[in-house]
């Protein structure tokens, strides 16, 4: 899986595994959160426009 990911997108692969290493070695969650945020940003963010829980 690592080689496929790296061949598909080397920059994202490096960022993903660096974030995973930070979490597994130092329990740092922020690099993972930031990576996910950056992936969703061009799509409108983590929640789609008009998202609401409990509203009708």
PDB file of N, CA and C in Angstrom:
ATOM      1  N   UNK A   1       0.817  -1.187   0.000  1.00  0.00           N
ATOM      2  CA  UNK A   1       0.000   0.000   0.000  1.00  0.00           C
ATOM      3  C   UNK A   1       0.869   1.262   0.000  1.00  0.00           C
ATOM      4  N   UNK A   2       1.945   1.227   0.739  1.00  0.00           N
ATOM      5  CA  UNK A   2       2.830   2.389   0.820  1.00  0.00           C
ATOM      6  C   UNK A   2       3.384   2.763  -0.549  1.00  0.00           C
ATOM      7  N   UNK A   3       3.837   1.780  -1.290  1.00  0.00           N
ATOM      8  CA  UNK A   3       4.415   2.066  -2.614  1.00  0.00           C
ATOM      9  C   UNK A   3       3.367   2.587  -3.589  1.00  0.00           C
ATOM     10  N   UNK A   4       2.168   2.047  -3.514  1.00  0.00           N
ATOM     11  CA  UNK A   4       1.093   2.513  -4.399  1.00  0.00           C
ATOM     12  C   UNK A   4       0.747   3.956  -4.065  1.00  0.00           C
ATOM     13  N   UNK A   5       0.604   4.251  -2.778  1.00  0.00           N
ATOM     14  CA  UNK A   5       0.298   5.609  -2.330  1.00  0.00           C
ATOM     15  C   UNK A   5       1.394   6.563  -2.791  1.00  0.00           C
ATOM     16  N   UNK A   6       2.634   6.159  -2.619  1.00  0.00           N
ATOM     17  CA  UNK A   6       3.756   7.006  -3.005  1.00  0.00           C
ATOM     18  C   UNK A   6       3.798   7.244  -4.512  1.00  0.00           C
ATOM     19  N   UNK A   7       3.493   6.222  -5.302  1.00  0.00           N
ATOM     20  CA  UNK A   7       3.507   6.401  -6.754  1.00  0.00           C
ATOM     21  C   UNK A   7       2.326   7.255  -7.222  1.00  0.00           C
ATOM     22  N   UNK A   8       1.214   7.205  -6.502  1.00  0.00           N
ATOM     23  CA  UNK A   8       0.029   7.993  -6.852  1.00  0.00           C
ATOM     24  C   UNK A   8       0.231   9.466  -6.531  1.00  0.00           C
ATOM     25  N   UNK A   9       0.738   9.746  -5.313  1.00  0.00           N
ATOM     26  CA  UNK A   9       0.921  11.130  -4.891  1.00  0.00           C
ATOM     27  C   UNK A   9       2.055  11.190  -3.860  1.00  0.00           C
ATOM     28  N   UNK A  10       3.289  11.369  -4.324  1.00  0.00           N
ATOM     29  CA  UNK A  10       4.434  11.348  -3.399  1.00  0.00           C
ATOM     30  C   UNK A  10       4.356  12.391  -2.281  1.00  0.00           C
ATOM     31  N   UNK A  11       3.898  13.583  -2.595  1.00  0.00           N
ATOM     32  CA  UNK A  11       3.825  14.645  -1.586  1.00  0.00           C
ATOM     33  C   UNK A  11       2.814  14.290  -0.488  1.00  0.00           C
ATOM     34  N   UNK A  12       1.638  13.823  -0.893  1.00  0.00           N
ATOM     35  CA  UNK A  12       0.616  13.453   0.084  1.00  0.00           C
ATOM     36  C   UNK A  12       1.050  12.231   0.883  1.00  0.00           C
ATOM     37  N   UNK A  13       1.710  11.309   0.232  1.00  0.00           N
ATOM     38  CA  UNK A  13       2.198  10.114   0.914  1.00  0.00           C
ATOM     39  C   UNK A  13       3.180  10.485   2.020  1.00  0.00           C
ATOM     40  N   UNK A  14       4.114  11.345   1.700  1.00  0.00           N
ATOM     41  CA  UNK A  14       5.098  11.768   2.705  1.00  0.00           C
ATOM     42  C   UNK A  14       4.413  12.490   3.858  1.00  0.00           C
ATOM     43  N   UNK A  15       3.491  13.363   3.531  1.00  0.00           N
ATOM     44  CA  UNK A  15       2.779  14.105   4.572  1.00  0.00           C
ATOM     45  C   UNK A  15       1.962  13.164   5.458  1.00  0.00           C
ATOM     46  N   UNK A  16       1.281  12.204   4.846  1.00  0.00           N
ATOM     47  CA  UNK A  16       0.469  11.250   5.588  1.00  0.00           C
ATOM     48  C   UNK A  16       1.319  10.429   6.552  1.00  0.00           C
ATOM     49  N   UNK A  17       2.423   9.869   6.056  1.00  0.00           N
ATOM     50  CA  UNK A  17       3.243   9.018   6.907  1.00  0.00           C
ATOM     51  C   UNK A  17       4.012   9.816   7.955  1.00  0.00           C
ATOM     52  N   UNK A  18       4.361  11.054   7.652  1.00  0.00           N
ATOM     53  CA  UNK A  18       4.969  11.917   8.678  1.00  0.00           C
ATOM     54  C   UNK A  18       3.968  12.200   9.798  1.00  0.00           C
ATOM     55  N   UNK A  19       2.724  12.485   9.423  1.00  0.00           N
ATOM     56  CA  UNK A  19       1.680  12.737  10.427  1.00  0.00           C
ATOM     57  C   UNK A  19       1.413  11.488  11.250  1.00  0.00           C
ATOM     58  N   UNK A  20       1.390  10.345  10.595  1.00  0.00           N
ATOM     59  CA  UNK A  20       1.168   9.084  11.296  1.00  0.00           C
ATOM     60  C   UNK A  20       2.310   8.787  12.263  1.00  0.00           C
ATOM     61  N   UNK A  21       3.539   9.053  11.841  1.00  0.00           N
ATOM     62  CA  UNK A  21       4.691   8.876  12.726  1.00  0.00           C
ATOM     63  C   UNK A  21       4.610   9.809  13.937  1.00  0.00           C
ATOM     64  N   UNK A  22       4.230  11.058  13.702  1.00  0.00           N
ATOM     65  CA  UNK A  22       4.104  12.008  14.812  1.00  0.00           C
ATOM     66  C   UNK A  22       3.093  11.522  15.840  1.00  0.00           C
ATOM     67  N   UNK A  23       2.003  10.952  15.332  1.00  0.00           N
ATOM     68  CA  UNK A  23       0.985  10.452  16.258  1.00  0.00           C
ATOM     69  C   UNK A  23       1.470   9.207  16.998  1.00  0.00           C
ATOM     70  N   UNK A  24       2.043   8.263  16.264  1.00  0.00           N
ATOM     71  CA  UNK A  24       2.431   7.002  16.904  1.00  0.00           C
ATOM     72  C   UNK A  24       3.624   7.161  17.847  1.00  0.00           C
ATOM     73  N   UNK A  25       4.533   8.091  17.557  1.00  0.00           N
ATOM     74  CA  UNK A  25       5.723   8.248  18.384  1.00  0.00           C
ATOM     75  C   UNK A  25       5.566   9.280  19.499  1.00  0.00           C
ATOM     76  N   UNK A  26       4.763  10.318  19.235  1.00  0.00           N
ATOM     77  CA  UNK A  26       4.682  11.433  20.192  1.00  0.00           C
ATOM     78  C   UNK A  26       3.253  11.772  20.607  1.00  0.00           C
ATOM     79  N   UNK A  27       2.291  11.002  20.121  1.00  0.00           N
ATOM     80  CA  UNK A  27       0.874  11.229  20.413  1.00  0.00           C
ATOM     81  C   UNK A  27       0.415  12.623  19.985  1.00  0.00           C
ATOM     82  N   UNK A  28       1.023  13.153  18.902  1.00  0.00           N
ATOM     83  CA  UNK A  28       0.654  14.462  18.359  1.00  0.00           C
ATOM     84  C   UNK A  28      -0.435  14.258  17.311  1.00  0.00           C
ATOM     85  N   UNK A  29      -1.623  14.764  17.587  1.00  0.00           N
ATOM     86  CA  UNK A  29      -2.756  14.594  16.689  1.00  0.00           C
ATOM     87  C   UNK A  29      -2.891  15.738  15.683  1.00  0.00           C
ATOM     88  N   UNK A  30      -2.338  16.873  15.990  1.00  0.00           N
ATOM     89  CA  UNK A  30      -2.517  18.062  15.157  1.00  0.00           C
ATOM     90  C   UNK A  30      -2.070  17.871  13.702  1.00  0.00           C
ATOM     91  N   UNK A  31      -0.951  17.216  13.415  1.00  0.00           N
ATOM     92  CA  UNK A  31      -0.590  17.031  12.002  1.00  0.00           C
ATOM     93  C   UNK A  31      -1.639  16.242  11.206  1.00  0.00           C
ATOM     94  N   UNK A  32      -2.264  15.277  11.836  1.00  0.00           N
ATOM     95  CA  UNK A  32      -3.320  14.511  11.159  1.00  0.00           C
ATOM     96  C   UNK A  32      -4.536  15.401  10.944  1.00  0.00           C
ATOM     97  N   UNK A  33      -4.941  16.134  11.980  1.00  0.00           N
ATOM     98  CA  UNK A  33      -6.085  17.034  11.854  1.00  0.00           C
ATOM     99  C   UNK A  33      -5.849  18.068  10.754  1.00  0.00           C
ATOM    100  N   UNK A  34      -4.648  18.629  10.715  1.00  0.00           N
ATOM    101  CA  UNK A  34      -4.332  19.655   9.720  1.00  0.00           C
ATOM    102  C   UNK A  34      -4.358  19.074   8.306  1.00  0.00           C
ATOM    103  N   UNK A  35      -3.832  17.874   8.134  1.00  0.00           N
ATOM    104  CA  UNK A  35      -3.830  17.236   6.821  1.00  0.00           C
ATOM    105  C   UNK A  35      -5.262  16.999   6.336  1.00  0.00           C
ATOM    106  N   UNK A  36      -6.113  16.479   7.216  1.00  0.00           N
ATOM    107  CA  UNK A  36      -7.513  16.234   6.855  1.00  0.00           C
ATOM    108  C   UNK A  36      -8.211  17.551   6.531  1.00  0.00           C
ATOM    109  N   UNK A  37      -7.975  18.571   7.334  1.00  0.00           N
ATOM    110  CA  UNK A  37      -8.561  19.888   7.077  1.00  0.00           C
ATOM    111  C   UNK A  37      -8.143  20.409   5.702  1.00  0.00           C
ATOM    112  N   UNK A  38      -6.864  20.277   5.370  1.00  0.00           N
ATOM    113  CA  UNK A  38      -6.362  20.750   4.078  1.00  0.00           C
ATOM    114  C   UNK A  38      -6.960  19.967   2.909  1.00  0.00           C
ATOM    115  N   UNK A  39      -7.239  18.686   3.115  1.00  0.00           N
ATOM    116  CA  UNK A  39      -7.860  17.876   2.060  1.00  0.00           C
ATOM    117  C   UNK A  39      -9.299  18.335   1.822  1.00  0.00           C
ATOM    118  N   UNK A  40     -10.033  18.611   2.901  1.00  0.00           N
ATOM    119  CA  UNK A  40     -11.439  19.006   2.785  1.00  0.00           C
ATOM    120  C   UNK A  40     -11.645  20.466   2.406  1.00  0.00           C
ATOM    121  N   UNK A  41     -10.643  21.308   2.613  1.00  0.00           N
ATOM    122  CA  UNK A  41     -10.788  22.741   2.375  1.00  0.00           C
ATOM    123  C   UNK A  41     -11.283  23.077   0.964  1.00  0.00           C
ATOM    124  N   UNK A  42     -10.706  22.517  -0.101  1.00  0.00           N
ATOM    125  CA  UNK A  42     -11.199  22.842  -1.445  1.00  0.00           C
ATOM    126  C   UNK A  42     -12.634  22.347  -1.701  1.00  0.00           C
ATOM    127  N   UNK A  43     -13.105  21.438  -0.871  1.00  0.00           N
ATOM    128  CA  UNK A  43     -14.445  20.881  -1.037  1.00  0.00           C
ATOM    129  C   UNK A  43     -15.485  21.605  -0.187  1.00  0.00           C
ATOM    130  N   UNK A  44     -15.080  22.675   0.486  1.00  0.00           N
ATOM    131  CA  UNK A  44     -16.002  23.442   1.305  1.00  0.00           C
ATOM    132  C   UNK A  44     -15.817  23.232   2.788  1.00  0.00           C
ATOM    133  N   UNK A  45     -14.781  22.538   3.171  1.00  0.00           N
ATOM    134  CA  UNK A  45     -14.523  22.315   4.588  1.00  0.00           C
ATOM    135  C   UNK A  45     -15.047  20.979   5.054  1.00  0.00           C
ATOM    136  N   UNK A  46     -14.900  20.699   6.345  1.00  0.00           N
ATOM    137  CA  UNK A  46     -15.286  19.391   6.874  1.00  0.00           C
ATOM    138  C   UNK A  46     -16.800  19.150   6.876  1.00  0.00           C
ATOM    139  N   UNK A  47     -17.577  20.227   6.886  1.00  0.00           N
ATOM    140  CA  UNK A  47     -19.040  20.093   6.830  1.00  0.00           C
ATOM    141  C   UNK A  47     -19.549  20.790   5.582  1.00  0.00           C
ATOM    142  N   UNK A  48     -20.491  20.180   4.913  1.00  0.00           N
ATOM    143  CA  UNK A  48     -21.009  20.792   3.698  1.00  0.00           C
ATOM    144  C   UNK A  48     -21.907  21.978   4.039  1.00  0.00           C
ATOM    145  N   UNK A  49     -22.101  22.865   3.088  1.00  0.00           N
ATOM    146  CA  UNK A  49     -22.913  24.065   3.296  1.00  0.00           C
ATOM    147  C   UNK A  49     -24.321  23.675   3.716  1.00  0.00           C
ATOM    148  N   UNK A  50     -24.811  24.308   4.763  1.00  0.00           N
ATOM    149  CA  UNK A  50     -26.157  24.044   5.243  1.00  0.00           C
ATOM    150  C   UNK A  50     -26.248  22.880   6.217  1.00  0.00           C
ATOM    151  N   UNK A  51     -25.111  22.264   6.570  1.00  0.00           N
ATOM    152  CA  UNK A  51     -25.135  21.125   7.483  1.00  0.00           C
ATOM    153  C   UNK A  51     -25.651  21.552   8.849  1.00  0.00           C
ATOM    154  N   UNK A  52     -26.480  20.732   9.425  1.00  0.00           N
ATOM    155  CA  UNK A  52     -27.013  21.012  10.747  1.00  0.00           C
ATOM    156  C   UNK A  52     -27.441  19.701  11.390  1.00  0.00           C
ATOM    157  N   UNK A  53     -27.185  19.571  12.667  1.00  0.00           N
ATOM    158  CA  UNK A  53     -27.650  18.397  13.408  1.00  0.00           C
ATOM    159  C   UNK A  53     -28.846  18.837  14.236  1.00  0.00           C
ATOM    160  N   UNK A  54     -29.953  18.146  14.079  1.00  0.00           N
ATOM    161  CA  UNK A  54     -31.104  18.393  14.907  1.00  0.00           C
ATOM    162  C   UNK A  54     -32.089  19.420  14.382  1.00  0.00           C
ATOM    163  N   UNK A  55     -31.712  20.198  13.374  1.00  0.00           N
ATOM    164  CA  UNK A  55     -32.641  21.174  12.812  1.00  0.00           C
ATOM    165  C   UNK A  55     -33.525  20.501  11.780  1.00  0.00           C
ATOM    166  N   UNK A  56     -34.716  20.981  11.665  1.00  0.00           N
ATOM    167  CA  UNK A  56     -35.627  20.466  10.635  1.00  0.00           C
ATOM    168  C   UNK A  56     -35.982  21.537   9.651  1.00  0.00           C
TER     169      UNK A  56
END
